C-alpha atoms as a PDB file:
ATOM      1  CA  MET A   1       0.317   0.151   0.089  1.00  0.00           C
ATOM      2  CA  LYS A   2       1.426   3.301  -0.925  1.00  0.00           C
ATOM      3  CA  ARG A   3       1.110   6.278   1.333  1.00  0.00           C
ATOM      4  CA  VAL A   4      -0.071   9.630  -0.012  1.00  0.00           C
ATOM      5  CA  VAL A   5       0.595  12.838   1.531  1.00  0.00           C
ATOM      6  CA  LEU A   6      -2.114  15.557   0.371  1.00  0.00           C
ATOM      7  CA  TYR A   7       0.066  18.714   1.518  1.00  0.00           C
ATOM      8  CA  GLY A   8      -2.844  21.705   2.479  1.00  0.00           C
ATOM      9  CA  LYS A   9      -6.236  22.681   3.365  1.00  0.00           C
ATOM     10  CA  SER A  10      -7.856  23.789  -0.332  1.00  0.00           C
ATOM     11  CA  LEU A  11     -10.830  22.622  -1.885  1.00  0.00           C
ATOM     12  CA  MET A  12      -8.382  21.315  -4.652  1.00  0.00           C
ATOM     13  CA  MET A  13      -6.254  19.608  -2.123  1.00  0.00           C
ATOM     14  CA  SER A  14     -10.215  18.011  -0.843  1.00  0.00           C
ATOM     15  CA  THR A  15     -11.337  17.043  -4.600  1.00  0.00           C
ATOM     16  CA  ILE A  16      -7.710  14.738  -4.652  1.00  0.00           C
ATOM     17  CA  GLY A  17      -8.441  13.141  -1.150  1.00  0.00           C
ATOM     18  CA  ALA A  18     -12.104  12.489  -2.471  1.00  0.00           C
ATOM     19  CA  SER A  19     -11.097  10.553  -5.173  1.00  0.00           C
ATOM     20  CA  LEU A  20      -7.444   8.521  -4.238  1.00  0.00           C
ATOM     21  CA  GLU A  21      -9.361   7.743  -1.198  1.00  0.00           C
ATOM     22  CA  ASP A  22     -11.892   4.746  -4.138  1.00  0.00           C
ATOM     23  CA  CYS A  23      -8.202   3.523  -4.464  1.00  0.00           C
ATOM     24  CA  PRO A  24      -8.109   0.153  -1.877  1.00  0.00           C
ATOM     25  CA  GLU A  25      -4.008   0.373  -3.059  1.00  0.00           C
ATOM     26  CA  LEU A  26      -3.843   4.097  -1.341  1.00  0.00           C
ATOM     27  CA  MET A  27      -3.937   5.456   1.921  1.00  0.00           C
ATOM     28  CA  VAL A  28      -4.663   8.895   2.396  1.00  0.00           C
ATOM     29  CA  LEU A  29      -3.710  11.728   4.657  1.00  0.00           C
ATOM     30  CA  SER A  30      -3.498  14.665   4.839  1.00  0.00           C
ATOM     31  CA  VAL A  31      -1.197  17.164   6.106  1.00  0.00           C
ATOM     32  CA  ASP A  32      -1.384  20.844   6.671  1.00  0.00           C
ATOM     33  CA  PRO A  33       1.533  22.894   6.458  1.00  0.00           C
ATOM     34  CA  SER A  34       1.152  25.425   8.899  1.00  0.00           C
ATOM     35  CA  LEU A  35       0.924  22.968  11.434  1.00  0.00           C
ATOM     36  CA  PRO A  36       4.288  23.758  14.188  1.00  0.00           C
ATOM     37  CA  ASP A  37       7.091  21.024  13.456  1.00  0.00           C
ATOM     38  CA  VAL A  38       5.746  20.013   9.462  1.00  0.00           C
ATOM     39  CA  GLN A  39       9.093  18.918   8.321  1.00  0.00           C
ATOM     40  CA  GLU A  40       8.906  16.782  11.303  1.00  0.00           C
ATOM     41  CA  HIS A  41       5.479  15.230  11.224  1.00  0.00           C
ATOM     42  CA  LEU A  42       5.778  14.767   6.951  1.00  0.00           C
ATOM     43  CA  GLY A  43       9.416  13.017   8.147  1.00  0.00           C
ATOM     44  CA  ALA A  44       7.175  10.768  10.802  1.00  0.00           C
ATOM     45  CA  LEU A  45       4.610   9.822   8.450  1.00  0.00           C
ATOM     46  CA  GLN A  46       7.003   8.103   6.006  1.00  0.00           C
ATOM     47  CA  PRO A  47       5.438   8.843   2.368  1.00  0.00           C
ATOM     48  CA  ASP A  48       5.523   7.484  -0.826  1.00  0.00           C
ATOM     49  CA  VAL A  49       3.808  10.162  -2.620  1.00  0.00           C
ATOM     50  CA  VAL A  50       3.373  14.075  -1.472  1.00  0.00           C
ATOM     51  CA  ILE A  51       0.156  15.967  -3.697  1.00  0.00           C
ATOM     52  CA  PHE A  52       0.507  19.864  -3.503  1.00  0.00           C
ATOM     53  CA  ASN A  53      -0.679  22.974  -5.231  1.00  0.00           C
ATOM     54  CA  LEU A  54       2.521  24.509  -7.339  1.00  0.00           C
ATOM     55  CA  GLY A  55       1.283  27.878  -6.244  1.00  0.00           C
ATOM     56  CA  THR A  56       1.777  27.302  -2.702  1.00  0.00           C
ATOM     57  CA  GLU A  57       4.131  28.894  -0.860  1.00  0.00           C
ATOM     58  CA  GLN A  58       5.007  27.063   2.418  1.00  0.00           C
ATOM     59  CA  LEU A  59       7.377  24.165   0.589  1.00  0.00           C
ATOM     60  CA  ASP A  60      10.136  24.645   2.507  1.00  0.00           C
ATOM     61  CA  ALA A  61       8.857  20.727   4.110  1.00  0.00           C
ATOM     62  CA  LEU A  62       8.716  19.324   1.014  1.00  0.00           C
ATOM     63  CA  LEU A  63      11.985  20.148   0.312  1.00  0.00           C
ATOM     64  CA  SER A  64      13.508  18.085   2.664  1.00  0.00           C
ATOM     65  CA  LEU A  65      11.985  14.978   1.560  1.00  0.00           C
ATOM     66  CA  LEU A  66      14.329  15.378  -1.983  1.00  0.00           C
ATOM     67  CA  GLN A  67      16.577  13.467   0.136  1.00  0.00           C
ATOM     68  CA  GLN A  68      14.374  10.675  -0.060  1.00  0.00           C
ATOM     69  CA  PRO A  69      15.190   8.822  -3.062  1.00  0.00           C
ATOM     70  CA  ALA A  70      11.738   6.711  -3.252  1.00  0.00           C
ATOM     71  CA  VAL A  71       9.809   9.633  -2.352  1.00  0.00           C
ATOM     72  CA  LEU A  72       7.483  11.326  -5.210  1.00  0.00           C
ATOM     73  CA  LEU A  73       6.616  15.036  -4.736  1.00  0.00           C
ATOM     74  CA  ILE A  74       3.358  15.600  -7.310  1.00  0.00           C
ATOM     75  CA  GLY A  75       2.871  19.386  -7.208  1.00  0.00           C
ATOM     76  CA  VAL A  76      -0.641  20.401  -9.491  1.00  0.00           C
ATOM     77  CA  ASP A  77      -0.909  23.553 -11.013  1.00  0.00           C
ATOM     78  CA  PRO A  78      -5.283  23.666 -10.595  1.00  0.00           C
ATOM     79  CA  GLU A  79      -4.646  26.789 -14.015  1.00  0.00           C
ATOM     80  CA  THR A  80      -2.957  24.081 -16.428  1.00  0.00           C
ATOM     81  CA  HIS A  81      -4.246  20.910 -15.447  1.00  0.00           C
ATOM     82  CA  GLN A  82      -0.892  19.649 -15.282  1.00  0.00           C
ATOM     83  CA  ALA A  83       1.109  18.119 -12.711  1.00  0.00           C
ATOM     84  CA  LEU A  84       4.552  18.624 -12.016  1.00  0.00           C
ATOM     85  CA  VAL A  85       6.398  14.993 -10.986  1.00  0.00           C
ATOM     86  CA  TRP A  86      10.217  15.319  -9.332  1.00  0.00           C
ATOM     87  CA  THR A  87      11.741  13.331 -11.384  1.00  0.00           C
ATOM     88  CA  ALA A  88      11.379  15.399 -14.704  1.00  0.00           C
ATOM     89  CA  ARG A  89       8.344  13.946 -15.633  1.00  0.00           C
ATOM     90  CA  GLN A  90       5.015  15.562 -16.648  1.00  0.00           C
ATOM     91  CA  ALA A  91       1.514  14.231 -16.345  1.00  0.00           C
ATOM     92  CA  ALA A  92      -1.696  15.245 -17.553  1.00  0.00           C
ATOM     93  CA  ALA A  93      -3.996  15.931 -13.999  1.00  0.00           C
ATOM     94  CA  VAL A  94      -7.851  16.333 -15.550  1.00  0.00           C
ATOM     95  CA  ALA A  95      -8.479  13.377 -13.410  1.00  0.00           C
ATOM     96  CA  ALA A  96      -8.227  11.423 -10.148  1.00  0.00           C
ATOM     97  CA  ASP A  97      -7.292   8.210 -12.455  1.00  0.00           C
ATOM     98  CA  ASP A  98      -4.616  10.783 -13.708  1.00  0.00           C
ATOM     99  CA  LEU A  99      -2.863  11.485 -10.496  1.00  0.00           C
ATOM    100  CA  VAL A 100      -3.233   7.165  -9.843  1.00  0.00           C
ATOM    101  CA  SER A 101      -0.964   6.991 -12.986  1.00  0.00           C
ATOM    102  CA  VAL A 102       1.816   8.781 -11.469  1.00  0.00           C
ATOM    103  CA  ILE A 103       1.551   6.774  -8.047  1.00  0.00           C
ATOM    104  CA  MET A 104       1.527   3.813  -9.520  1.00  0.00           C
ATOM    105  CA  SER A 105       4.063   3.906 -12.025  1.00  0.00           C
END
């Protein structure tokens, strides 16, 4: 089972979370970036994937996750419906199925 963390409390993150929870292969968790010690909290969750809004300003905690080679960081742009995957790949993010394809690959 892959552990997916939704980084943020926006409507977009809630919508993505609701869609991904239908996938039995995924454990979907949410993290509020404004929490104190959010970086330690993220590390303790040991995520396989972190999904976040590319427009968010609180990305410092996510950058530390790049030191863990197995973690996928997926930045979603709600305006262009693109997902930037921190493995230098881009994928369409029009629907939750698109995100599941990126996560499972």
